[in-house]
Amino acid sequence: MYIDGEQTNKKIVGPMNIAEYKITPQFSGALIEIDGDHGKIKCLNEDRIYYIVEGAGDFFIEEEKFSVKKDDVIFVPMNTVYNFIGRMKIFLVCSPEFKKGDDVHLE
């Protein structure tokens, strides 16, 4: 099945360029290009899957560090504290869809 996601927003946030895509009410996606530190957050209402399209970096989930590179996948359950740092292009899938205000910034 092919789903044509509607690009809803393109923005620069700190060290990131983000292109957001609405897919369905159950899923949304974003193509993220980062060169630096994302910042520690937790998401209140979404599970997140990060696919590393290119580059490398580190994810910090709770107190554990995961070094990542191209083609790696990281799962972050909702209400989990995490951060990522590096120079990467990442595709993010959120379920249910991303809603502004769901992220709690912890730094």
Protein backbone atom coordinates (compact mmCIF):
# COMPACT_ATOMS: atom_id res chain seq x y z
CA MET A 1 0.00 0.00 0.00
CA TYR A 2 1.27 3.48 -0.87
CA ILE A 3 0.28 6.41 1.32
CA ASP A 4 0.89 9.89 0.00
CA GLY A 5 1.81 11.90 3.09
CA GLU A 6 0.98 15.59 2.93
CA GLN A 7 3.92 17.82 3.85
CA THR A 8 2.49 20.12 6.46
CA ASN A 9 5.44 22.12 7.70
CA LYS A 10 9.10 22.82 7.01
CA LYS A 11 11.09 24.56 9.72
CA ILE A 12 14.46 25.11 11.34
CA VAL A 13 14.62 24.26 15.06
CA GLY A 14 17.99 24.84 16.72
CA PRO A 15 20.49 22.53 15.00
CA MET A 16 17.74 20.84 12.90
CA ASN A 17 15.93 21.24 9.59
CA ILE A 18 12.57 19.45 9.83
CA ALA A 19 10.04 18.60 7.09
CA GLU A 20 6.85 17.28 8.71
CA TYR A 21 4.36 14.95 6.99
CA LYS A 22 0.81 14.11 8.03
CA ILE A 23 0.05 10.51 7.03
CA THR A 24 -3.08 9.49 9.00
CA PRO A 25 -4.42 10.33 12.48
CA GLN A 26 -2.54 7.24 13.67
CA PHE A 27 0.82 8.17 12.08
CA SER A 28 2.90 11.16 11.10
CA GLY A 29 6.45 11.45 9.89
CA ALA A 30 9.29 13.90 9.68
CA LEU A 31 12.55 14.08 7.79
CA ILE A 32 15.09 15.57 10.18
CA GLU A 33 18.57 16.83 9.37
CA ILE A 34 20.57 17.50 12.52
CA ASP A 35 24.07 18.76 13.14
CA GLY A 36 24.40 19.03 16.90
CA ASP A 37 22.42 18.30 20.05
CA HIS A 38 18.64 17.70 19.83
CA GLY A 39 18.09 18.39 23.54
CA LYS A 40 16.66 16.14 26.24
CA ILE A 41 12.89 15.61 25.96
CA LYS A 42 10.10 13.16 26.58
CA CYS A 43 6.98 12.81 24.48
CA LEU A 44 3.73 12.48 26.42
CA ASN A 45 1.47 10.87 23.81
CA GLU A 46 3.47 9.25 20.99
CA ASP A 47 5.71 6.29 20.42
CA ARG A 48 8.55 7.20 18.05
CA ILE A 49 10.63 5.24 15.57
CA TYR A 50 13.79 6.85 14.20
CA TYR A 51 15.41 5.48 11.03
CA ILE A 52 18.94 6.75 10.33
CA VAL A 53 19.01 7.65 6.62
CA GLU A 54 22.62 8.85 6.65
CA GLY A 55 25.33 9.99 9.04
CA ALA A 56 26.07 8.89 12.59
CA GLY A 57 25.54 9.93 16.18
CA ASP A 58 24.39 8.86 19.62
CA PHE A 59 20.93 8.36 21.13
CA PHE A 60 20.56 8.56 24.91
CA ILE A 61 17.43 6.73 26.07
CA GLU A 62 16.85 7.01 29.81
CA GLU A 63 20.42 6.40 31.05
CA GLU A 64 21.60 4.17 28.16
CA LYS A 65 23.74 5.32 25.19
CA PHE A 66 23.26 3.86 21.69
CA SER A 67 25.72 4.73 18.92
CA VAL A 68 23.88 4.82 15.58
CA LYS A 69 24.77 4.95 11.90
CA LYS A 70 23.08 4.65 8.49
CA ASP A 71 20.25 2.06 8.37
CA ASP A 72 19.91 1.75 12.17
CA VAL A 73 16.47 1.99 13.80
CA ILE A 74 15.73 3.34 17.29
CA PHE A 75 12.39 2.91 19.11
CA VAL A 76 11.45 5.40 21.85
CA PRO A 77 8.25 4.62 23.78
CA MET A 78 6.06 7.51 24.94
CA ASN A 79 6.94 9.04 28.33
CA THR A 80 10.60 8.03 27.95
CA VAL A 81 13.36 10.60 28.47
CA TYR A 82 15.73 10.75 25.49
CA ASN A 83 18.14 12.87 23.47
CA PHE A 84 20.23 12.47 20.34
CA ILE A 85 23.41 14.13 19.15
CA GLY A 86 25.25 13.91 15.87
CA ARG A 87 25.34 14.77 12.21
CA MET A 88 22.51 12.73 10.70
CA LYS A 89 19.55 12.65 8.36
CA ILE A 90 16.76 10.78 10.15
CA PHE A 91 13.23 9.74 9.20
CA LEU A 92 10.91 9.82 12.22
CA VAL A 93 7.56 8.00 12.50
CA CYS A 94 5.22 9.07 15.31
CA SER A 95 2.21 7.04 16.45
CA PRO A 96 -0.29 8.47 16.98
CA GLU A 97 0.44 11.53 14.85
CA PHE A 98 2.65 14.33 16.23
CA LYS A 99 0.84 17.11 18.04
CA LYS A 100 2.57 20.33 19.00
CA GLY A 101 2.81 20.50 22.77
CA ASP A 102 3.28 16.75 23.31
CA ASP A 103 7.05 17.21 23.77
CA VAL A 104 8.27 18.15 27.24
CA HIS A 105 11.69 19.83 27.01
CA LEU A 106 13.87 18.88 29.96
CA GLU A 107 16.88 21.20 29.50
